[in-house]
Amino acid sequence: MKIYPYEVLGHLVEATHRLLAQEELVYSNPGEQNLSIELAAHLKPLFREWHVHGEYDKREQDEKWLAYADEDEVLVATKIRPDIIVHHVGKRENLLVIEMKRDVNKARANDVRKLKGLTRQDGDYGYELGVHLVVDIPTSRVTLCDVYRDGAINAELTAWIRQRLPAQSAPPVG
């Protein structure tokens, strides 16, 4: 399975532009879960040969779990539910995982841990790409976007996507 990361991220850019152009969202400024559902709806037609799911908590028929080291280097296992995933159900073919936040929500450490763990190629899930997407709906802009690949922020892909997102601020990559 050949993965073209710029094509995958290009689809996400297109879907994000469409999401932020929805005037009813600017008016109502809904919560994170609703925004994730809307973004997943925009992604589905762009990933025709993949399954796009929001709030997906299953791995085969079991709940998704992720193990990570906490601040004290103690191994912790926790149930997870990524905001959006693009994958083939029943196979270890995991293309894209997205953790999305509204700009007002400042708690992001769990999202970063999830993206690092879910994109590790030697881990249980091996998503090709992970994206941490933070949106400010009232201003229709993205305030943060980092791309993860193999458990870490990928500076090249992060710079590429940031240049293409609406009103993206550009904090240092990494």
C-alpha atoms as a PDB file:
ATOM      1  CA  MET A   1       0.000   0.000   0.000  1.00  0.00           C
ATOM      2  CA  LYS A   2       1.708   3.175  -1.231  1.00  0.00           C
ATOM      3  CA  ILE A   3       0.943   6.260   0.861  1.00  0.00           C
ATOM      4  CA  TYR A   4       1.195   9.759  -0.587  1.00  0.00           C
ATOM      5  CA  PRO A   5       1.293  12.031   2.471  1.00  0.00           C
ATOM      6  CA  TYR A   6       0.838  15.289   0.545  1.00  0.00           C
ATOM      7  CA  GLU A   7      -2.272  13.901  -1.153  1.00  0.00           C
ATOM      8  CA  VAL A   8      -3.689  12.772   2.202  1.00  0.00           C
ATOM      9  CA  LEU A   9      -2.958  16.135   3.796  1.00  0.00           C
ATOM     10  CA  GLY A  10      -4.289  17.948   0.731  1.00  0.00           C
ATOM     11  CA  HIS A  11      -7.639  16.234   1.281  1.00  0.00           C
ATOM     12  CA  LEU A  12      -7.595  17.373   4.905  1.00  0.00           C
ATOM     13  CA  VAL A  13      -6.829  20.947   3.829  1.00  0.00           C
ATOM     14  CA  GLU A  14      -9.772  20.876   1.391  1.00  0.00           C
ATOM     15  CA  ALA A  15     -12.140  19.489   4.034  1.00  0.00           C
ATOM     16  CA  THR A  16     -10.953  22.034   6.608  1.00  0.00           C
ATOM     17  CA  HIS A  17     -11.586  24.920   4.203  1.00  0.00           C
ATOM     18  CA  ARG A  18     -15.102  23.605   3.620  1.00  0.00           C
ATOM     19  CA  LEU A  19     -15.703  23.226   7.360  1.00  0.00           C
ATOM     20  CA  LEU A  20     -14.579  26.763   8.136  1.00  0.00           C
ATOM     21  CA  ALA A  21     -16.724  28.170   5.308  1.00  0.00           C
ATOM     22  CA  GLN A  22     -19.937  26.942   6.944  1.00  0.00           C
ATOM     23  CA  GLU A  23     -21.665  30.106   8.126  1.00  0.00           C
ATOM     24  CA  GLU A  24     -24.004  28.217  10.474  1.00  0.00           C
ATOM     25  CA  LEU A  25     -20.966  26.959  12.405  1.00  0.00           C
ATOM     26  CA  VAL A  26     -19.601  30.481  12.789  1.00  0.00           C
ATOM     27  CA  TYR A  27     -23.017  31.563  14.029  1.00  0.00           C
ATOM     28  CA  SER A  28     -23.563  28.707  16.489  1.00  0.00           C
ATOM     29  CA  ASN A  29     -19.910  27.948  17.417  1.00  0.00           C
ATOM     30  CA  PRO A  30     -20.636  24.296  18.309  1.00  0.00           C
ATOM     31  CA  GLY A  31     -18.536  22.004  20.461  1.00  0.00           C
ATOM     32  CA  GLU A  32     -15.600  19.829  19.475  1.00  0.00           C
ATOM     33  CA  GLN A  33     -17.592  16.653  18.909  1.00  0.00           C
ATOM     34  CA  ASN A  34     -19.948  18.365  16.464  1.00  0.00           C
ATOM     35  CA  LEU A  35     -17.017  19.927  14.611  1.00  0.00           C
ATOM     36  CA  SER A  36     -15.335  16.525  14.313  1.00  0.00           C
ATOM     37  CA  ILE A  37     -18.515  15.022  12.879  1.00  0.00           C
ATOM     38  CA  GLU A  38     -18.770  17.857  10.343  1.00  0.00           C
ATOM     39  CA  LEU A  39     -15.111  17.508   9.321  1.00  0.00           C
ATOM     40  CA  ALA A  40     -15.499  13.723   8.933  1.00  0.00           C
ATOM     41  CA  ALA A  41     -18.494  14.332   6.647  1.00  0.00           C
ATOM     42  CA  HIS A  42     -16.317  16.566   4.446  1.00  0.00           C
ATOM     43  CA  LEU A  43     -13.537  13.942   4.404  1.00  0.00           C
ATOM     44  CA  LYS A  44     -15.686  10.962   3.365  1.00  0.00           C
ATOM     45  CA  PRO A  45     -16.058  11.871  -0.332  1.00  0.00           C
ATOM     46  CA  LEU A  46     -12.327  12.639  -0.540  1.00  0.00           C
ATOM     47  CA  PHE A  47     -11.284   9.200   0.741  1.00  0.00           C
ATOM     48  CA  ARG A  48     -13.597   7.003  -1.381  1.00  0.00           C
ATOM     49  CA  GLU A  49     -11.585   3.797  -0.933  1.00  0.00           C
ATOM     50  CA  TRP A  50     -11.195   4.197   2.827  1.00  0.00           C
ATOM     51  CA  HIS A  51     -13.499   4.182   5.834  1.00  0.00           C
ATOM     52  CA  VAL A  52     -13.798   7.540   7.605  1.00  0.00           C
ATOM     53  CA  HIS A  53     -15.085   7.339  11.170  1.00  0.00           C
ATOM     54  CA  GLY A  54     -15.560   9.840  13.951  1.00  0.00           C
ATOM     55  CA  GLU A  55     -15.180   9.047  17.637  1.00  0.00           C
ATOM     56  CA  TYR A  56     -14.123   5.477  16.780  1.00  0.00           C
ATOM     57  CA  ASP A  57     -13.362   3.465  19.907  1.00  0.00           C
ATOM     58  CA  LYS A  58     -12.904  -0.045  18.479  1.00  0.00           C
ATOM     59  CA  ARG A  59      -9.997  -2.114  17.248  1.00  0.00           C
ATOM     60  CA  GLU A  60     -11.581  -5.105  15.618  1.00  0.00           C
ATOM     61  CA  GLN A  61     -14.180  -5.981  18.270  1.00  0.00           C
ATOM     62  CA  ASP A  62     -12.243  -4.720  21.279  1.00  0.00           C
ATOM     63  CA  GLU A  63     -11.980  -1.235  22.709  1.00  0.00           C
ATOM     64  CA  LYS A  64      -8.985   0.836  21.651  1.00  0.00           C
ATOM     65  CA  TRP A  65      -6.264   1.116  24.283  1.00  0.00           C
ATOM     66  CA  LEU A  66      -3.007   3.034  24.243  1.00  0.00           C
ATOM     67  CA  ALA A  67      -0.062   2.618  26.614  1.00  0.00           C
ATOM     68  CA  TYR A  68       2.277   5.535  27.313  1.00  0.00           C
ATOM     69  CA  ALA A  69       4.745   6.736  29.934  1.00  0.00           C
ATOM     70  CA  ASP A  70       3.343   9.477  32.173  1.00  0.00           C
ATOM     71  CA  GLU A  71       5.283  12.442  33.612  1.00  0.00           C
ATOM     72  CA  ASP A  72       6.928  10.139  36.168  1.00  0.00           C
ATOM     73  CA  GLU A  73       7.859   7.580  33.481  1.00  0.00           C
ATOM     74  CA  VAL A  74       5.245   5.142  34.813  1.00  0.00           C
ATOM     75  CA  LEU A  75       3.577   3.071  32.093  1.00  0.00           C
ATOM     76  CA  VAL A  76      -0.138   3.855  31.896  1.00  0.00           C
ATOM     77  CA  ALA A  77      -2.748   2.202  29.674  1.00  0.00           C
ATOM     78  CA  THR A  78      -5.918   4.086  28.853  1.00  0.00           C
ATOM     79  CA  LYS A  79      -8.955   3.662  26.631  1.00  0.00           C
ATOM     80  CA  ILE A  80      -8.897   6.011  23.662  1.00  0.00           C
ATOM     81  CA  ARG A  81     -11.361   7.345  21.136  1.00  0.00           C
ATOM     82  CA  PRO A  82      -9.700   9.320  18.332  1.00  0.00           C
ATOM     83  CA  ASP A  83     -11.789  12.203  16.979  1.00  0.00           C
ATOM     84  CA  ILE A  84     -11.499  11.071  13.331  1.00  0.00           C
ATOM     85  CA  ILE A  85      -9.782   8.133  11.686  1.00  0.00           C
ATOM     86  CA  VAL A  86      -9.302   7.103   8.066  1.00  0.00           C
ATOM     87  CA  HIS A  87      -8.642   3.366   7.838  1.00  0.00           C
ATOM     88  CA  HIS A  88      -9.675  -0.010   6.443  1.00  0.00           C
ATOM     89  CA  VAL A  89     -11.845  -1.797   8.984  1.00  0.00           C
ATOM     90  CA  GLY A  90     -10.527  -5.198  10.039  1.00  0.00           C
ATOM     91  CA  LYS A  91      -7.010  -4.634   8.669  1.00  0.00           C
ATOM     92  CA  ARG A  92      -3.910  -2.918   9.978  1.00  0.00           C
ATOM     93  CA  GLU A  93      -4.215  -0.313   7.244  1.00  0.00           C
ATOM     94  CA  ASN A  94      -4.484   2.934   9.150  1.00  0.00           C
ATOM     95  CA  LEU A  95      -3.997   6.050   7.057  1.00  0.00           C
ATOM     96  CA  LEU A  96      -4.881   9.142   9.088  1.00  0.00           C
ATOM     97  CA  VAL A  97      -5.861   9.981  12.652  1.00  0.00           C
ATOM     98  CA  ILE A  98      -7.034  13.486  13.586  1.00  0.00           C
ATOM     99  CA  GLU A  99      -7.321  14.980  17.041  1.00  0.00           C
ATOM    100  CA  MET A 100      -9.328  18.177  16.813  1.00  0.00           C
ATOM    101  CA  LYS A 101      -9.797  20.939  19.351  1.00  0.00           C
ATOM    102  CA  ARG A 102     -11.591  24.237  19.494  1.00  0.00           C
ATOM    103  CA  ASP A 103      -9.224  27.116  20.144  1.00  0.00           C
ATOM    104  CA  VAL A 104     -10.856  27.854  23.491  1.00  0.00           C
ATOM    105  CA  ASN A 105     -10.029  24.389  24.775  1.00  0.00           C
ATOM    106  CA  LYS A 106      -6.451  24.547  26.043  1.00  0.00           C
ATOM    107  CA  ALA A 107      -6.095  20.948  27.314  1.00  0.00           C
ATOM    108  CA  ARG A 108      -4.065  19.330  24.553  1.00  0.00           C
ATOM    109  CA  ALA A 109      -1.514  17.025  26.243  1.00  0.00           C
ATOM    110  CA  ASN A 110      -3.717  13.928  25.878  1.00  0.00           C
ATOM    111  CA  ASP A 111      -4.198  14.605  22.167  1.00  0.00           C
ATOM    112  CA  VAL A 112      -0.444  14.858  21.655  1.00  0.00           C
ATOM    113  CA  ARG A 113       0.137  11.598  23.568  1.00  0.00           C
ATOM    114  CA  LYS A 114      -2.506   9.857  21.466  1.00  0.00           C
ATOM    115  CA  LEU A 115      -1.046  11.100  18.184  1.00  0.00           C
ATOM    116  CA  LYS A 116       2.474  10.054  19.139  1.00  0.00           C
ATOM    117  CA  GLY A 117       1.308   6.581  20.168  1.00  0.00           C
ATOM    118  CA  LEU A 118      -1.109   6.005  17.301  1.00  0.00           C
ATOM    119  CA  THR A 119       1.446   6.964  14.617  1.00  0.00           C
ATOM    120  CA  ARG A 120       4.348   4.884  15.953  1.00  0.00           C
ATOM    121  CA  GLN A 121       5.056   2.312  13.283  1.00  0.00           C
ATOM    122  CA  ASP A 122       6.316  -0.157  15.887  1.00  0.00           C
ATOM    123  CA  GLY A 123       3.173   0.342  17.979  1.00  0.00           C
ATOM    124  CA  ASP A 124      -0.221  -1.345  17.968  1.00  0.00           C
ATOM    125  CA  TYR A 125      -1.879   0.963  15.420  1.00  0.00           C
ATOM    126  CA  GLY A 126       0.698   2.344  12.987  1.00  0.00           C
ATOM    127  CA  TYR A 127      -1.289   5.206  11.484  1.00  0.00           C
ATOM    128  CA  GLU A 128       0.706   6.695   8.605  1.00  0.00           C
ATOM    129  CA  LEU A 129      -0.150  10.262   9.601  1.00  0.00           C
ATOM    130  CA  GLY A 130      -1.611  12.002  12.625  1.00  0.00           C
ATOM    131  CA  VAL A 131      -2.816  15.590  12.695  1.00  0.00           C
ATOM    132  CA  HIS A 132      -3.432  17.824  15.669  1.00  0.00           C
ATOM    133  CA  LEU A 133      -5.884  20.421  14.366  1.00  0.00           C
ATOM    134  CA  VAL A 134      -6.984  23.387  16.479  1.00  0.00           C
ATOM    135  CA  VAL A 135      -9.674  25.636  15.020  1.00  0.00           C
ATOM    136  CA  ASP A 136     -11.153  28.975  15.995  1.00  0.00           C
ATOM    137  CA  ILE A 137     -14.637  28.769  14.541  1.00  0.00           C
ATOM    138  CA  PRO A 138     -15.801  32.380  15.168  1.00  0.00           C
ATOM    139  CA  THR A 139     -12.863  33.686  13.112  1.00  0.00           C
ATOM    140  CA  SER A 140     -12.874  30.759  10.625  1.00  0.00           C
ATOM    141  CA  ARG A 141      -9.207  29.994  11.045  1.00  0.00           C
ATOM    142  CA  VAL A 142      -6.811  27.318  12.171  1.00  0.00           C
ATOM    143  CA  THR A 143      -4.695  28.357  15.133  1.00  0.00           C
ATOM    144  CA  LEU A 144      -2.497  25.259  15.341  1.00  0.00           C
ATOM    145  CA  CYS A 145      -1.776  22.300  13.111  1.00  0.00           C
ATOM    146  CA  ASP A 146       0.972  19.736  13.642  1.00  0.00           C
ATOM    147  CA  VAL A 147       1.532  16.601  11.575  1.00  0.00           C
ATOM    148  CA  TYR A 148       2.819  13.467  13.306  1.00  0.00           C
ATOM    149  CA  ARG A 149       4.603  10.633  11.583  1.00  0.00           C
ATOM    150  CA  ASP A 150       6.116   7.628  13.346  1.00  0.00           C
ATOM    151  CA  GLY A 151       5.539   9.013  16.831  1.00  0.00           C
ATOM    152  CA  ALA A 152       6.891  12.546  16.368  1.00  0.00           C
ATOM    153  CA  ILE A 153       6.062  15.859  14.731  1.00  0.00           C
ATOM    154  CA  ASN A 154       7.222  15.871  11.120  1.00  0.00           C
ATOM    155  CA  ALA A 155       8.573  19.376  10.464  1.00  0.00           C
ATOM    156  CA  GLU A 156       8.363  19.191   6.663  1.00  0.00           C
ATOM    157  CA  LEU A 157       4.750  17.992   6.538  1.00  0.00           C
ATOM    158  CA  THR A 158       3.735  20.393   9.306  1.00  0.00           C
ATOM    159  CA  ALA A 159       5.198  23.369   7.418  1.00  0.00           C
ATOM    160  CA  TRP A 160       3.497  22.206   4.209  1.00  0.00           C
ATOM    161  CA  ILE A 161       0.012  21.935   5.712  1.00  0.00           C
ATOM    162  CA  ARG A 162       0.306  25.168   7.701  1.00  0.00           C
ATOM    163  CA  GLN A 163       0.965  27.103   4.483  1.00  0.00           C
ATOM    164  CA  ARG A 164      -2.306  25.826   3.045  1.00  0.00           C
ATOM    165  CA  LEU A 165      -4.713  26.236   5.944  1.00  0.00           C
ATOM    166  CA  PRO A 166      -6.877  29.333   6.429  1.00  0.00           C
ATOM    167  CA  ALA A 167      -5.189  32.088   8.463  1.00  0.00           C
ATOM    168  CA  GLN A 168      -2.762  29.627  10.002  1.00  0.00           C
ATOM    169  CA  SER A 169      -0.488  31.195  12.544  1.00  0.00           C
ATOM    170  CA  ALA A 170       3.020  29.826  12.215  1.00  0.00           C
ATOM    171  CA  PRO A 171       4.609  28.974  15.561  1.00  0.00           C
ATOM    172  CA  PRO A 172       7.926  27.144  15.355  1.00  0.00           C
ATOM    173  CA  VAL A 173       7.660  23.557  14.150  1.00  0.00           C
ATOM    174  CA  GLY A 174       8.770  20.871  16.604  1.00  0.00           C
END
